[in-house]
């Protein structure tokens, strides 16, 4: 071992008792990426002045020694990306000063200890990519300072505890790739700071809660590969910051027309959001018969005319001025792309790559004013070539 500038130590050997003795006077231990192997010695618990301990990205194995939980001054503990096994010691709840805890990318098994709920200063909890099982303890909901919670890629089962709705500072919640079942709790809608929500690759059932529409800062929502049913709630259209929405491989009603489940569901969702942006309201009533019976239309709840006879201008958001002739081509191009995404046949929808290309290249040149163009004329055009 040799000490470099700024008090950092570089080690290329097995962690030994002698090594611990040599670093006893150091306040911060940063041994990331140092090719450390062997077990974490129990003597590490004697380093009472430790504030930050970084042992990630090494080749450490064996269990996490309970003596490590005697380091009550720790604010940062990174043991991620090793080969640590056995269980997370329940004594970890003694580390009440912890702000950052990363145990991810190991081979840890057993249940998540309820004592983690005592770490009320935690802002970051990384437990993903292990072999953790049993349920998510409701005590996690006591971590009111938590900003990042990563529990993905484990073998967690049972339902999502409603207490997670108390973590109002969360910006990132990863529960994906487990065996979670039950419904998505409506309390998730309390997490107004959420930016990234991933619940995909589980066995969740029931409907998508309308309360998800309250997550106005959400940019990523992954619910794919579950057993979700019912309709896609119109409240999803309130998520104006959303850039990545994936709902495929569920049993949502928009698939019931063909009984097909495939990757084109997220394309459909884009079409819904795009049309709501254009119309200023959810397009469900307007497109209901179009989606269920191609090329047929029924009366809209907002007009005495059937949708195909309505002027395109009447469909646009009435709270803003109609587009100029120059802007109209771009608006109609977006509507046509949205129509193609809402095709009742999933196989006939474009890929998101194709949608991206069309958004950047397609612009209609109108031969008559937009107020003279009906929705029927727009529907009749080939949305990908005209």
Protein backbone atom coordinates (compact mmCIF):
# COMPACT_ATOMS: atom_id res chain seq x y z
CA UNK A 1 0.00 0.00 0.00
CA UNK A 2 1.16 3.54 -0.70
CA UNK A 3 -0.42 6.86 0.18
CA UNK A 4 -0.79 9.40 -2.59
CA UNK A 5 -1.62 13.08 -2.51
CA UNK A 6 -4.86 14.17 -0.83
CA UNK A 7 -4.60 11.27 1.63
CA UNK A 8 -5.84 8.62 -0.82
CA UNK A 9 -4.47 5.12 -0.55
CA UNK A 10 -3.78 2.74 -3.42
CA UNK A 11 -3.75 -0.95 -2.57
CA UNK A 12 -3.16 -3.91 -4.86
CA UNK A 13 -3.29 -6.77 -2.40
CA UNK A 14 -5.63 -8.69 -0.15
CA UNK A 15 -7.35 -6.73 2.62
CA UNK A 16 -5.48 -7.79 5.77
CA UNK A 17 -5.48 -6.94 9.46
CA UNK A 18 -2.09 -5.31 9.00
CA UNK A 19 -3.50 -3.16 6.20
CA UNK A 20 -6.26 -1.91 8.46
CA UNK A 21 -3.70 -0.99 11.09
CA UNK A 22 -1.73 1.06 8.57
CA UNK A 23 -4.71 3.20 7.65
CA UNK A 24 -6.13 3.65 11.13
CA UNK A 25 -5.18 7.33 11.29
CA UNK A 26 -6.80 8.25 7.99
CA UNK A 27 -10.22 9.89 8.24
CA UNK A 28 -11.58 9.02 4.77
CA UNK A 29 -10.94 5.67 3.09
CA UNK A 30 -11.32 5.61 -0.68
CA UNK A 31 -10.27 2.22 -2.03
CA UNK A 32 -12.49 2.12 -5.12
CA UNK A 33 -11.02 0.36 -8.16
CA UNK A 34 -8.00 -1.01 -6.29
CA UNK A 35 -8.13 -4.74 -7.13
CA UNK A 36 -8.83 -5.56 -3.50
CA UNK A 37 -9.71 -9.19 -2.86
CA UNK A 38 -10.52 -11.41 0.09
CA UNK A 39 -12.92 -10.65 2.89
CA UNK A 40 -13.58 -7.42 4.75
CA UNK A 41 -11.82 -7.99 8.11
CA UNK A 42 -13.85 -7.57 11.27
CA UNK A 43 -11.10 -5.29 12.61
CA UNK A 44 -12.38 -2.57 10.30
CA UNK A 45 -14.90 -1.86 13.05
CA UNK A 46 -12.09 -0.33 15.11
CA UNK A 47 -11.72 2.64 12.74
CA UNK A 48 -14.00 4.79 14.84
CA UNK A 49 -13.15 8.06 13.12
CA UNK A 50 -14.23 6.88 9.68
CA UNK A 51 -16.66 9.21 7.94
CA UNK A 52 -16.52 7.92 4.35
CA UNK A 53 -15.65 4.36 3.32
CA UNK A 54 -15.34 3.48 -0.37
CA UNK A 55 -14.60 -0.17 -1.20
CA UNK A 56 -16.61 -0.44 -4.42
CA UNK A 57 -15.47 -1.96 -7.72
CA UNK A 58 -13.11 -4.49 -6.17
CA UNK A 59 -13.13 -8.28 -5.78
CA UNK A 60 -14.17 -8.53 -2.16
CA UNK A 61 -16.12 -11.62 -1.11
CA UNK A 62 -17.63 -13.16 1.99
CA UNK A 63 -20.14 -11.43 4.20
CA UNK A 64 -20.44 -7.86 5.44
CA UNK A 65 -18.93 -7.99 8.96
CA UNK A 66 -21.30 -6.87 11.70
CA UNK A 67 -18.38 -4.96 13.25
CA UNK A 68 -18.58 -2.53 10.34
CA UNK A 69 -21.85 -1.38 11.87
CA UNK A 70 -19.88 0.00 14.83
CA UNK A 71 -18.62 2.85 12.62
CA UNK A 72 -21.36 5.18 13.80
CA UNK A 73 -19.72 8.28 12.31
CA UNK A 74 -20.05 6.97 8.76
CA UNK A 75 -21.96 9.18 6.37
CA UNK A 76 -20.95 7.28 3.21
CA UNK A 77 -20.63 3.51 2.77
CA UNK A 78 -19.98 2.20 -0.74
CA UNK A 79 -19.50 -1.58 -0.99
CA UNK A 80 -21.10 -1.93 -4.41
CA UNK A 81 -19.72 -3.92 -7.35
CA UNK A 82 -17.96 -6.67 -5.43
CA UNK A 83 -18.79 -10.33 -4.79
CA UNK A 84 -20.16 -9.97 -1.28
CA UNK A 85 -22.62 -12.65 -0.23
CA UNK A 86 -24.82 -13.67 2.70
CA UNK A 87 -27.34 -11.24 4.19
CA UNK A 88 -27.35 -7.54 4.97
CA UNK A 89 -26.67 -7.43 8.73
CA UNK A 90 -29.57 -6.05 10.74
CA UNK A 91 -27.00 -4.11 12.78
CA UNK A 92 -26.65 -1.74 9.82
CA UNK A 93 -29.51 0.20 11.39
CA UNK A 94 -26.99 1.51 13.96
CA UNK A 95 -25.33 3.71 11.31
CA UNK A 96 -27.72 6.60 11.89
CA UNK A 97 -25.39 9.18 10.33
CA UNK A 98 -25.42 7.44 6.94
CA UNK A 99 -26.40 9.62 4.00
CA UNK A 100 -25.21 7.37 1.15
CA UNK A 101 -25.46 3.56 1.24
CA UNK A 102 -24.54 1.47 -1.81
CA UNK A 103 -24.56 -2.34 -1.61
CA UNK A 104 -25.61 -2.95 -5.20
CA UNK A 105 -24.06 -5.32 -7.75
CA UNK A 106 -23.13 -8.03 -5.25
CA UNK A 107 -24.53 -11.46 -4.38
CA UNK A 108 -26.37 -10.49 -1.23
CA UNK A 109 -29.36 -12.64 -0.34
CA UNK A 110 -32.10 -12.85 2.25
CA UNK A 111 -34.51 -10.08 3.12
CA UNK A 112 -34.02 -6.33 3.33
CA UNK A 113 -33.61 -5.67 7.08
CA UNK A 114 -36.36 -3.57 8.62
CA UNK A 115 -33.64 -1.74 10.57
CA UNK A 116 -32.83 0.23 7.40
CA UNK A 117 -35.86 2.29 8.35
CA UNK A 118 -33.80 3.74 11.20
CA UNK A 119 -31.36 5.42 8.79
CA UNK A 120 -33.43 8.58 8.58
CA UNK A 121 -30.61 10.68 7.11
CA UNK A 122 -30.28 8.50 4.01
CA UNK A 123 -30.66 10.28 0.69
CA UNK A 124 -29.35 7.42 -1.48
CA UNK A 125 -30.03 3.70 -1.09
CA UNK A 126 -28.60 1.37 -3.75
CA UNK A 127 -29.50 -2.30 -3.26
CA UNK A 128 -30.12 -3.25 -6.87
CA UNK A 129 -28.65 -6.25 -8.70
CA UNK A 130 -28.42 -8.70 -5.81
CA UNK A 131 -30.37 -11.82 -4.83
CA UNK A 132 -32.53 -10.15 -2.19
CA UNK A 133 -35.88 -11.82 -1.59
CA UNK A 134 -39.01 -11.53 0.55
CA UNK A 135 -41.01 -8.30 0.62
CA UNK A 136 -40.09 -4.62 0.59
CA UNK A 137 -40.32 -3.64 4.27
CA UNK A 138 -42.84 -0.92 5.02
CA UNK A 139 -40.17 0.70 7.23
CA UNK A 140 -38.50 2.04 4.07
CA UNK A 141 -41.28 4.63 4.13
CA UNK A 142 -39.66 6.22 7.21
CA UNK A 143 -36.69 7.42 5.12
CA UNK A 144 -38.18 10.85 4.47
CA UNK A 145 -34.88 12.30 3.16
CA UNK A 146 -34.49 9.63 0.47
CA UNK A 147 -33.90 10.96 -3.04
CA UNK A 148 -32.78 7.79 -4.83
CA UNK A 149 -34.14 4.30 -4.12
CA UNK A 150 -32.81 1.44 -6.24
CA UNK A 151 -34.18 -2.04 -5.48
CA UNK A 152 -34.29 -3.37 -9.04
CA UNK A 153 -32.97 -6.70 -10.32
CA UNK A 154 -33.57 -8.74 -7.19
CA UNK A 155 -36.12 -11.42 -6.29
CA UNK A 156 -38.40 -9.24 -4.20
CA UNK A 157 -42.01 -10.37 -3.98
CA UNK A 158 -45.28 -9.26 -2.49
CA UNK A 159 -46.90 -5.89 -3.01
CA UNK A 160 -45.43 -2.41 -3.22
CA UNK A 161 -45.91 -0.97 0.29
CA UNK A 162 -48.15 2.07 0.41
CA UNK A 163 -45.63 3.65 2.79
CA UNK A 164 -43.40 4.41 -0.21
CA UNK A 165 -45.87 7.19 -0.89
CA UNK A 166 -44.40 9.00 2.13
CA UNK A 167 -41.01 9.43 0.40
CA UNK A 168 -41.91 12.82 -1.00
CA UNK A 169 -38.30 13.80 -1.78
CA UNK A 170 -37.75 10.86 -4.14
CA UNK A 171 -36.63 11.73 -7.65
CA UNK A 172 -35.78 8.17 -8.72
CA UNK A 173 -37.62 4.94 -7.86
CA UNK A 174 -36.39 1.68 -9.39
CA UNK A 175 -38.41 -1.42 -8.44
CA UNK A 176 -38.12 -3.06 -11.85
CA UNK A 177 -37.11 -6.66 -12.57
CA UNK A 178 -38.43 -8.31 -9.42
CA UNK A 179 -41.42 -10.55 -8.67
CA UNK A 180 -43.66 -7.84 -7.25
CA UNK A 181 -47.41 -8.44 -7.47
CA UNK A 182 -50.61 -6.72 -6.47
CA UNK A 183 -51.62 -3.30 -7.69
CA UNK A 184 -49.66 -0.08 -8.11
CA UNK A 185 -50.61 1.86 -4.96
CA UNK A 186 -52.38 5.14 -5.61
CA UNK A 187 -50.08 6.68 -2.98
CA UNK A 188 -47.31 6.73 -5.60
CA UNK A 189 -49.05 9.89 -6.80
CA UNK A 190 -47.79 11.65 -3.66
CA UNK A 191 -44.22 11.54 -4.99
CA UNK A 192 -44.40 14.89 -6.76
CA UNK A 193 -40.60 15.15 -7.11
CA UNK A 194 -40.27 11.89 -9.07
CA UNK A 195 -38.39 12.19 -12.35
CA UNK A 196 -37.75 8.51 -13.12
CA UNK A 197 -40.22 5.73 -12.19
CA UNK A 198 -39.51 2.15 -13.28
CA UNK A 199 -41.87 -0.66 -12.24
CA UNK A 200 -41.41 -2.81 -15.34
CA UNK A 201 -40.70 -6.55 -15.47
CA UNK A 202 -42.83 -7.54 -12.49
CA UNK A 203 -46.22 -9.20 -12.02
CA UNK A 204 -48.22 -6.10 -11.16
CA UNK A 205 -51.93 -6.25 -11.94
CA UNK A 206 -55.00 -4.07 -11.85
CA UNK A 207 -55.32 -0.67 -13.47
CA UNK A 208 -52.79 2.13 -13.84
CA UNK A 209 -53.72 4.54 -11.01
CA UNK A 210 -54.97 7.92 -12.17
CA UNK A 211 -52.81 9.48 -9.44
CA UNK A 212 -49.76 8.96 -11.68
CA UNK A 213 -51.02 12.02 -13.51
CA UNK A 214 -49.95 14.07 -10.48
CA UNK A 215 -46.26 13.28 -11.07
CA UNK A 216 -45.74 16.41 -13.15
CA UNK A 217 -41.93 16.23 -13.06
CA UNK A 218 -41.81 12.70 -14.45
CA UNK A 219 -39.63 12.25 -17.55
CA UNK A 220 -39.41 8.42 -17.58
CA UNK A 221 -42.26 6.00 -16.85
CA UNK A 222 -41.66 2.29 -17.44
CA UNK A 223 -44.58 -0.04 -16.66
CA UNK A 224 -44.03 -2.60 -19.40
CA UNK A 225 -44.08 -6.40 -18.96
CA UNK A 226 -46.61 -6.64 -16.15
CA UNK A 227 -50.23 -7.82 -16.00
CA UNK A 228 -51.81 -4.36 -15.95
CA UNK A 229 -55.32 -4.13 -17.36
CA UNK A 230 -58.16 -1.67 -17.97
CA UNK A 231 -57.55 1.53 -19.94
CA UNK A 232 -54.63 3.90 -20.15
CA UNK A 233 -55.84 6.73 -17.87
CA UNK A 234 -56.28 10.08 -19.55
CA UNK A 235 -54.42 11.65 -16.61
CA UNK A 236 -51.17 10.38 -18.15
CA UNK A 237 -51.61 13.24 -20.61
CA UNK A 238 -50.91 15.69 -17.77
CA UNK A 239 -47.28 14.55 -17.67
CA UNK A 240 -45.94 17.33 -19.87
CA UNK A 241 -42.29 16.58 -19.00
CA UNK A 242 -42.56 12.92 -20.05
CA UNK A 243 -40.05 11.92 -22.74
CA UNK A 244 -40.02 8.12 -22.37
CA UNK A 245 -43.22 6.15 -21.76
CA UNK A 246 -43.33 2.35 -22.09
CA UNK A 247 -46.52 0.43 -21.36
CA UNK A 248 -46.10 -2.57 -23.65
CA UNK A 249 -46.57 -6.24 -22.72
CA UNK A 250 -49.58 -5.66 -20.51
CA UNK A 251 -53.30 -6.29 -20.97
CA UNK A 252 -54.36 -2.70 -21.44
CA UNK A 253 -57.64 -2.22 -23.29
CA UNK A 254 -56.11 -0.51 -26.30
CA UNK A 255 -54.72 -3.97 -27.13
CA UNK A 256 -58.04 -5.71 -26.67
CA UNK A 257 -59.15 -4.88 -30.20
CA UNK A 258 -56.54 -7.22 -31.67
CA UNK A 259 -55.60 -9.34 -28.61
CA UNK A 260 -51.99 -8.67 -29.48
CA UNK A 261 -49.29 -7.61 -27.05
CA UNK A 262 -46.09 -6.20 -28.50
CA UNK A 263 -43.59 -3.38 -28.33
CA UNK A 264 -45.84 -0.95 -30.26
CA UNK A 265 -47.80 0.05 -27.13
CA UNK A 266 -45.40 2.86 -26.30
CA UNK A 267 -45.89 4.18 -29.85
CA UNK A 268 -49.63 4.27 -29.18
CA UNK A 269 -49.01 6.15 -25.93
CA UNK A 270 -46.94 8.74 -27.79
CA UNK A 271 -49.88 9.25 -30.17
CA UNK A 272 -52.22 9.86 -27.23
CA UNK A 273 -49.88 12.41 -25.65
CA UNK A 274 -49.24 14.15 -29.00
CA UNK A 275 -52.97 14.49 -29.73
CA UNK A 276 -53.70 15.75 -26.23
CA UNK A 277 -51.06 18.43 -26.74
CA UNK A 278 -52.72 19.47 -30.00
CA UNK A 279 -56.31 19.26 -28.76
CA UNK A 280 -55.80 20.56 -25.23
CA UNK A 281 -57.76 17.60 -23.88
CA UNK A 282 -57.62 13.82 -23.88
CA UNK A 283 -58.51 12.47 -27.35
CA UNK A 284 -60.28 9.36 -26.01
CA UNK A 285 -63.85 10.29 -27.02
CA UNK A 286 -62.73 11.67 -30.36
CA UNK A 287 -60.85 8.52 -31.36
CA UNK A 288 -62.88 5.85 -29.61
CA UNK A 289 -64.70 4.52 -32.68
CA UNK A 290 -61.68 5.10 -34.93
CA UNK A 291 -59.60 2.82 -32.71
CA UNK A 292 -62.21 0.10 -32.37
CA UNK A 293 -63.57 0.06 -35.93
CA UNK A 294 -61.17 1.43 -38.56
CA UNK A 295 -62.56 3.98 -41.00
CA UNK A 296 -65.81 4.49 -39.07
CA UNK A 297 -66.64 7.41 -36.85
CA UNK A 298 -69.23 8.29 -34.28
CA UNK A 299 -70.38 11.59 -32.87
CA UNK A 300 -67.99 13.39 -30.56
CA UNK A 301 -69.21 14.55 -27.19
CA UNK A 302 -67.96 18.04 -28.06
CA UNK A 303 -69.72 18.50 -31.41
CA UNK A 304 -72.95 17.67 -33.22
CA UNK A 305 -70.89 16.73 -36.29
CA UNK A 306 -69.20 13.33 -36.54
CA UNK A 307 -65.43 13.75 -36.21
CA UNK A 308 -64.67 13.09 -39.87
CA UNK A 309 -66.79 16.10 -40.90
CA UNK A 310 -65.29 18.49 -38.38
CA UNK A 311 -62.79 21.10 -39.48
CA UNK A 312 -59.29 20.41 -38.22
CA UNK A 313 -59.33 23.92 -36.71
CA UNK A 314 -62.26 22.91 -34.48
CA UNK A 315 -60.24 20.02 -33.08
CA UNK A 316 -57.28 22.18 -32.09
CA UNK A 317 -56.92 23.62 -28.60
CA UNK A 318 -59.41 26.52 -28.58
CA UNK A 319 -57.47 28.37 -25.89
CA UNK A 320 -54.77 29.41 -28.36
CA UNK A 321 -54.92 31.22 -31.68
CA UNK A 322 -55.30 29.08 -34.82
CA UNK A 323 -52.00 28.39 -36.60
CA UNK A 324 -50.91 30.62 -39.45
CA UNK A 325 -50.78 29.11 -42.93
CA UNK A 326 -47.05 28.56 -42.49
CA UNK A 327 -47.52 26.88 -39.11
CA UNK A 328 -50.49 24.82 -40.27
CA UNK A 329 -48.34 22.44 -42.30
CA UNK A 330 -46.32 21.53 -39.23
CA UNK A 331 -49.43 21.08 -37.07
CA UNK A 332 -51.12 18.81 -39.60
CA UNK A 333 -47.91 16.83 -40.06
CA UNK A 334 -47.84 16.16 -36.32
CA UNK A 335 -51.51 15.16 -36.37
CA UNK A 336 -50.90 12.71 -39.21
CA UNK A 337 -47.96 11.16 -37.37
CA UNK A 338 -50.13 10.87 -34.24
CA UNK A 339 -52.88 9.20 -36.30
CA UNK A 340 -50.40 6.59 -37.50
CA UNK A 341 -49.33 5.91 -33.90
CA UNK A 342 -53.00 5.36 -32.98
CA UNK A 343 -53.58 2.75 -35.68
CA UNK A 344 -55.79 -0.01 -34.20
CA UNK A 345 -53.40 -2.62 -35.60
CA UNK A 346 -50.14 -2.58 -33.60
CA UNK A 347 -48.22 -4.04 -36.54
CA UNK A 348 -49.27 -1.08 -38.69
CA UNK A 349 -47.87 1.53 -36.32
CA UNK A 350 -44.49 3.05 -37.12
CA UNK A 351 -41.47 2.43 -34.94
CA UNK A 352 -40.33 5.22 -32.64
CA UNK A 353 -37.24 5.56 -34.83
CA UNK A 354 -39.52 6.21 -37.81
CA UNK A 355 -41.60 8.66 -35.76
CA UNK A 356 -38.43 10.56 -34.87
CA UNK A 357 -37.42 10.76 -38.52
CA UNK A 358 -40.86 12.02 -39.54
CA UNK A 359 -40.93 14.66 -36.82
CA UNK A 360 -37.66 16.10 -38.08
CA UNK A 361 -38.36 15.91 -41.83
CA UNK A 362 -42.07 15.87 -42.63
CA UNK A 363 -43.92 19.14 -43.30
CA UNK A 364 -47.11 19.39 -45.34
CA UNK A 365 -47.53 22.07 -47.98
CA UNK A 366 -51.24 22.87 -47.97
CA UNK A 367 -53.19 23.53 -51.13
CA UNK A 368 -56.03 25.23 -49.23
CA UNK A 369 -56.50 27.00 -45.90
CA UNK A 370 -56.47 24.80 -42.81
CA UNK A 371 -60.01 25.87 -41.88
CA UNK A 372 -61.24 24.14 -45.08
CA UNK A 373 -59.58 20.81 -44.26
CA UNK A 374 -61.74 18.28 -42.43
CA UNK A 375 -60.56 15.56 -40.10
CA UNK A 376 -61.87 13.01 -42.57
CA UNK A 377 -59.58 14.36 -45.28
CA UNK A 378 -56.65 14.20 -42.91
CA UNK A 379 -57.52 10.65 -41.84
CA UNK A 380 -57.76 9.59 -45.48
CA UNK A 381 -54.22 10.71 -46.25
CA UNK A 382 -51.43 8.18 -45.88
CA UNK A 383 -49.89 9.49 -42.64
CA UNK A 384 -46.40 8.39 -43.58
CA UNK A 385 -46.12 9.48 -47.21
CA UNK A 386 -48.51 12.32 -47.99
